[in-house]
């Protein structure tokens, strides 16, 4: 599927290095794309890369809340999570979605171990303070990466559900983009790939051909001020900015519904998402 010279390039660049990929939300709708992602992950692992898969699951959470008669409520575009909803979130993310992704890797000949941020204190969080009460929605305060390194050392792919807890044991729903970016920063990843349901950063939101292939931190902040980066793309861009500013070599936003997009990003192929670097 990939030319030998491309495989050699990937091995040279990522052998022994950590790559964090975030997969979730509306990017998870296509079964072919999901299978393609798992194949890419396993190929990278065979080339020596140490891949950590972090996932969300908004659509699945919405579906389960609807089934149980709990109304989905959003405050300033963010999900409000009450004491009843956080139990559903934990069940769906750490149970259903986490295990389905782990199983998919296993079915394709790989070894995966599903964990969540509550396990061994991987994700420590606190209540998010945006000025509006979001209930049990949290923000990352610390990442304890040792369990992830342990899983990697045994030849398994860690599949991480993004729940966190504070020192008192309160469980919080964590934005998967933010959690993945924080994990990438803590593990000093060679690459952080954020897969979503859009092509990347567009200069014109109505024109896919206006995709910005590469951007640095200064330009990204300028585009946020100019509203080129706007709406739901702002937190994704901020995750990438924080990641590359914290020592991650490169970060990408790309359309996770496209087959083989993961490796295409890592090969920096034109038209495969937006690459963030600290400086150009």
Protein backbone atom coordinates (compact mmCIF):
# COMPACT_ATOMS: atom_id res chain seq x y z
CA UNK A 1 0.00 0.00 0.00
CA UNK A 2 2.89 2.37 0.78
CA UNK A 3 6.07 2.63 -1.26
CA UNK A 4 9.13 1.18 0.41
CA UNK A 5 10.85 4.57 0.45
CA UNK A 6 7.86 6.02 2.34
CA UNK A 7 8.06 3.23 4.91
CA UNK A 8 11.79 3.87 5.30
CA UNK A 9 11.04 7.57 5.77
CA UNK A 10 8.43 6.82 8.45
CA UNK A 11 10.75 4.46 10.31
CA UNK A 12 13.63 6.93 10.21
CA UNK A 13 11.42 9.71 11.52
CA UNK A 14 9.38 7.89 14.17
CA UNK A 15 11.23 4.74 15.29
CA UNK A 16 11.17 4.69 19.09
CA UNK A 17 9.17 7.92 19.31
CA UNK A 18 5.71 8.58 20.73
CA UNK A 19 2.85 9.59 18.45
CA UNK A 20 -0.46 10.65 19.99
CA UNK A 21 -3.58 10.48 17.82
CA UNK A 22 -6.97 11.78 18.90
CA UNK A 23 -9.99 10.11 17.34
CA UNK A 24 -13.57 10.81 18.21
CA UNK A 25 -16.75 12.72 17.70
CA UNK A 26 -18.08 12.96 14.18
CA UNK A 27 -14.84 11.57 12.75
CA UNK A 28 -15.88 8.15 14.08
CA UNK A 29 -18.92 7.75 11.81
CA UNK A 30 -17.28 5.76 9.00
CA UNK A 31 -16.37 2.11 9.62
CA UNK A 32 -13.95 2.03 6.69
CA UNK A 33 -12.11 5.08 8.00
CA UNK A 34 -11.95 3.55 11.49
CA UNK A 35 -10.49 0.32 10.12
CA UNK A 36 -8.05 2.34 8.00
CA UNK A 37 -6.89 4.26 11.07
CA UNK A 38 -6.27 1.07 13.01
CA UNK A 39 -4.28 -0.35 10.09
CA UNK A 40 -2.18 2.83 10.01
CA UNK A 41 -1.59 2.61 13.77
CA UNK A 42 -0.48 -1.01 13.49
CA UNK A 43 1.80 -0.21 10.55
CA UNK A 44 3.45 2.59 12.51
CA UNK A 45 3.88 0.28 15.48
CA UNK A 46 5.56 -2.29 13.23
CA UNK A 47 8.00 0.44 12.17
CA UNK A 48 8.94 1.12 15.79
CA UNK A 49 6.62 4.04 16.62
CA UNK A 50 4.91 4.08 20.02
CA UNK A 51 1.33 5.10 19.28
CA UNK A 52 -1.16 6.29 21.91
CA UNK A 53 -4.80 6.46 20.77
CA UNK A 54 -6.98 8.97 22.66
CA UNK A 55 -10.70 9.09 21.92
CA UNK A 56 -13.89 10.99 22.58
CA UNK A 57 -17.42 9.89 21.83
CA UNK A 58 -19.88 12.79 21.71
CA UNK A 59 -22.38 11.21 19.28
CA UNK A 60 -22.50 7.98 21.32
CA UNK A 61 -23.04 9.97 24.51
CA UNK A 62 -25.88 11.92 22.89
CA UNK A 63 -27.50 8.69 21.72
CA UNK A 64 -27.32 7.09 25.17
CA UNK A 65 -28.64 10.19 26.91
CA UNK A 66 -31.57 10.19 24.51
CA UNK A 67 -32.22 6.48 25.19
CA UNK A 68 -32.28 7.08 28.92
CA UNK A 69 -34.50 10.15 28.61
CA UNK A 70 -31.86 12.66 29.72
CA UNK A 71 -31.90 15.88 27.75
CA UNK A 72 -28.60 17.00 26.23
CA UNK A 73 -27.97 20.55 27.36
CA UNK A 74 -25.26 22.91 26.19
CA UNK A 75 -24.00 26.11 27.79
CA UNK A 76 -22.05 28.49 25.55
CA UNK A 77 -21.48 25.61 23.12
CA UNK A 78 -20.17 23.20 25.80
CA UNK A 79 -22.02 20.18 27.14
CA UNK A 80 -23.49 20.65 30.61
CA UNK A 81 -22.83 17.48 32.58
CA UNK A 82 -24.86 16.93 35.75
CA UNK A 83 -24.44 14.13 38.30
CA UNK A 84 -26.77 11.86 36.32
CA UNK A 85 -25.12 12.59 32.97
CA UNK A 86 -21.56 12.00 34.19
CA UNK A 87 -22.49 8.38 34.96
CA UNK A 88 -23.68 7.97 31.35
CA UNK A 89 -20.54 9.68 30.03
CA UNK A 90 -18.32 7.35 32.07
CA UNK A 91 -20.26 4.28 30.95
CA UNK A 92 -20.18 5.22 27.26
CA UNK A 93 -16.57 6.46 27.04
CA UNK A 94 -14.79 4.01 29.34
CA UNK A 95 -17.10 1.11 28.56
CA UNK A 96 -18.66 1.09 25.12
CA UNK A 97 -16.43 3.29 22.92
CA UNK A 98 -13.13 2.41 24.59
CA UNK A 99 -13.70 -1.31 24.31
CA UNK A 100 -15.03 -1.14 20.75
CA UNK A 101 -11.85 0.62 19.59
CA UNK A 102 -9.65 -1.80 21.53
CA UNK A 103 -11.51 -4.72 19.97
CA UNK A 104 -11.14 -3.26 16.49
CA UNK A 105 -7.36 -3.15 16.92
CA UNK A 106 -7.35 -6.73 18.22
CA UNK A 107 -9.47 -7.91 15.30
CA UNK A 108 -6.87 -6.51 12.93
CA UNK A 109 -4.04 -8.44 14.52
CA UNK A 110 -2.84 -5.88 17.02
CA UNK A 111 -2.68 -5.71 20.80
CA UNK A 112 -4.60 -2.94 22.52
CA UNK A 113 -5.30 -2.15 26.15
CA UNK A 114 -8.21 0.14 26.90
CA UNK A 115 -7.74 2.53 29.83
CA UNK A 116 -9.28 5.79 30.95
CA UNK A 117 -7.93 8.84 32.67
CA UNK A 118 -9.21 7.55 36.01
CA UNK A 119 -6.87 4.54 35.90
CA UNK A 120 -3.80 5.09 38.13
CA UNK A 121 -4.47 8.82 38.04
CA UNK A 122 -3.51 9.23 34.39
CA UNK A 123 -5.59 12.43 34.09
CA UNK A 124 -5.95 14.74 37.08
CA UNK A 125 -8.56 17.41 36.55
CA UNK A 126 -10.45 20.22 38.19
CA UNK A 127 -13.85 21.74 37.54
CA UNK A 128 -13.75 23.90 34.43
CA UNK A 129 -14.23 27.57 35.20
CA UNK A 130 -15.46 29.51 32.17
CA UNK A 131 -17.77 31.85 34.06
CA UNK A 132 -20.68 29.52 33.33
CA UNK A 133 -21.47 26.46 35.44
CA UNK A 134 -20.91 23.34 33.29
CA UNK A 135 -21.40 20.84 36.07
CA UNK A 136 -18.98 17.91 35.95
CA UNK A 137 -16.94 19.22 33.04
CA UNK A 138 -13.26 19.43 33.87
CA UNK A 139 -9.98 20.74 32.62
CA UNK A 140 -6.68 18.89 32.81
CA UNK A 141 -4.33 19.91 35.61
CA UNK A 142 -1.80 17.07 35.31
CA UNK A 143 -0.97 13.99 33.24
CA UNK A 144 0.67 10.95 34.83
CA UNK A 145 2.11 9.14 31.81
CA UNK A 146 3.92 6.23 33.49
CA UNK A 147 1.03 3.77 33.01
CA UNK A 148 0.96 4.63 29.31
CA UNK A 149 4.71 4.03 29.01
CA UNK A 150 4.24 0.71 30.81
CA UNK A 151 1.54 -0.37 28.35
CA UNK A 152 3.72 0.67 25.40
CA UNK A 153 6.73 -1.22 26.77
CA UNK A 154 4.69 -4.44 26.70
CA UNK A 155 3.92 -3.97 23.00
CA UNK A 156 0.32 -2.85 23.50
CA UNK A 157 -1.40 0.22 22.08
CA UNK A 158 -2.95 2.30 24.88
CA UNK A 159 -6.53 3.34 24.03
CA UNK A 160 -7.42 6.21 26.36
CA UNK A 161 -10.92 7.42 27.31
CA UNK A 162 -10.86 11.04 28.45
CA UNK A 163 -12.26 11.09 31.96
CA UNK A 164 -10.37 12.68 34.83
CA UNK A 165 -10.70 13.07 38.57
CA UNK A 166 -9.64 15.56 41.21
CA UNK A 167 -7.94 14.85 44.52
CA UNK A 168 -11.30 14.27 46.19
CA UNK A 169 -12.24 11.64 43.62
CA UNK A 170 -14.83 13.66 41.72
CA UNK A 171 -15.09 12.43 38.13
CA UNK A 172 -15.07 14.94 35.26
CA UNK A 173 -15.83 14.77 31.57
CA UNK A 174 -12.73 16.09 29.77
CA UNK A 175 -12.67 17.51 26.25
CA UNK A 176 -10.88 14.81 24.22
CA UNK A 177 -8.90 17.29 22.12
CA UNK A 178 -7.55 19.02 25.23
CA UNK A 179 -6.76 15.72 26.96
CA UNK A 180 -4.95 14.33 23.93
CA UNK A 181 -2.93 17.51 23.53
CA UNK A 182 -1.96 17.41 27.20
CA UNK A 183 -0.89 13.76 26.91
CA UNK A 184 1.16 14.57 23.80
CA UNK A 185 2.86 17.45 25.62
CA UNK A 186 3.61 15.38 28.74
CA UNK A 187 5.04 12.51 26.68
CA UNK A 188 7.02 14.91 24.44
CA UNK A 189 5.49 13.25 21.40
CA UNK A 190 7.14 13.50 18.02
CA UNK A 191 3.69 14.13 16.55
CA UNK A 192 0.16 14.90 17.71
CA UNK A 193 -2.59 14.19 15.17
CA UNK A 194 -6.07 15.52 15.90
CA UNK A 195 -8.64 13.84 13.66
CA UNK A 196 -11.95 15.62 13.25
CA UNK A 197 -14.71 16.00 10.64
CA UNK A 198 -13.21 18.87 8.64
CA UNK A 199 -10.22 19.05 6.30
CA UNK A 200 -8.20 21.33 8.59
CA UNK A 201 -7.86 25.12 8.85
CA UNK A 202 -9.56 26.79 5.88
CA UNK A 203 -9.02 30.43 4.88
CA UNK A 204 -12.55 30.30 3.45
CA UNK A 205 -14.83 27.95 5.39
CA UNK A 206 -16.90 27.35 2.26
CA UNK A 207 -13.94 26.38 0.08
CA UNK A 208 -12.05 23.13 0.80
CA UNK A 209 -9.39 24.25 -1.68
CA UNK A 210 -8.47 27.08 0.71
CA UNK A 211 -6.91 24.58 3.13
CA UNK A 212 -3.88 25.96 4.96
CA UNK A 213 -1.27 23.20 4.74
CA UNK A 214 1.17 24.58 7.31
CA UNK A 215 1.00 27.19 10.02
CA UNK A 216 3.11 28.33 12.95
CA UNK A 217 2.05 29.57 16.38
CA UNK A 218 2.26 33.26 15.49
CA UNK A 219 0.15 32.85 12.35
CA UNK A 220 -2.39 30.69 14.16
CA UNK A 221 -2.92 33.32 16.85
CA UNK A 222 -3.23 35.99 14.15
CA UNK A 223 -5.87 33.90 12.32
CA UNK A 224 -7.83 33.54 15.57
CA UNK A 225 -7.80 37.32 16.01
CA UNK A 226 -8.99 37.70 12.41
CA UNK A 227 -11.75 35.06 12.90
CA UNK A 228 -10.31 32.84 10.15
CA UNK A 229 -9.97 30.29 12.92
CA UNK A 230 -13.35 30.52 14.62
CA UNK A 231 -16.04 28.58 16.44
CA UNK A 232 -15.31 24.94 17.22
CA UNK A 233 -11.92 25.15 15.49
CA UNK A 234 -10.58 27.53 18.16
CA UNK A 235 -10.13 24.92 20.93
CA UNK A 236 -8.61 22.48 18.44
CA UNK A 237 -6.12 25.10 17.26
CA UNK A 238 -5.32 26.03 20.86
CA UNK A 239 -4.56 22.36 21.64
CA UNK A 240 -2.11 22.23 18.75
CA UNK A 241 -0.54 25.57 19.69
CA UNK A 242 -0.06 24.38 23.28
CA UNK A 243 1.34 21.04 22.12
CA UNK A 244 4.02 22.45 19.82
CA UNK A 245 4.78 25.15 22.40
CA UNK A 246 5.40 22.39 24.97
CA UNK A 247 7.94 20.43 22.97
CA UNK A 248 5.78 18.35 20.62
CA UNK A 249 7.60 18.43 17.29
CA UNK A 250 4.51 18.81 15.10
CA UNK A 251 0.73 18.79 15.42
CA UNK A 252 -1.92 18.21 12.76
CA UNK A 253 -5.65 18.80 12.33
CA UNK A 254 -7.13 16.57 9.62
CA UNK A 255 -10.33 14.90 8.45
CA UNK A 256 -10.54 11.55 10.24
CA UNK A 257 -13.24 10.31 7.85
CA UNK A 258 -10.67 10.05 5.04
CA UNK A 259 -8.94 6.69 4.68
CA UNK A 260 -5.21 6.52 5.50
CA UNK A 261 -5.24 10.16 6.59
CA UNK A 262 -3.14 9.42 9.69
CA UNK A 263 -0.03 8.29 7.85
CA UNK A 264 -0.63 10.82 5.05
CA UNK A 265 -0.35 13.57 7.68
CA UNK A 266 2.83 12.11 9.14
CA UNK A 267 4.33 12.02 5.65
CA UNK A 268 3.27 15.67 5.29
CA UNK A 269 1.51 15.02 2.01
CA UNK A 270 -0.10 18.08 0.45
CA UNK A 271 -3.81 18.47 1.13
CA UNK A 272 -3.78 16.18 4.18
CA UNK A 273 -4.82 18.58 6.91
CA UNK A 274 -3.08 21.50 8.59
CA UNK A 275 0.37 21.07 10.11
CA UNK A 276 1.20 23.21 13.17
CA UNK A 277 4.81 23.97 14.06
CA UNK A 278 6.25 26.34 16.64
CA UNK A 279 8.15 28.44 14.10
CA UNK A 280 8.51 28.51 10.32
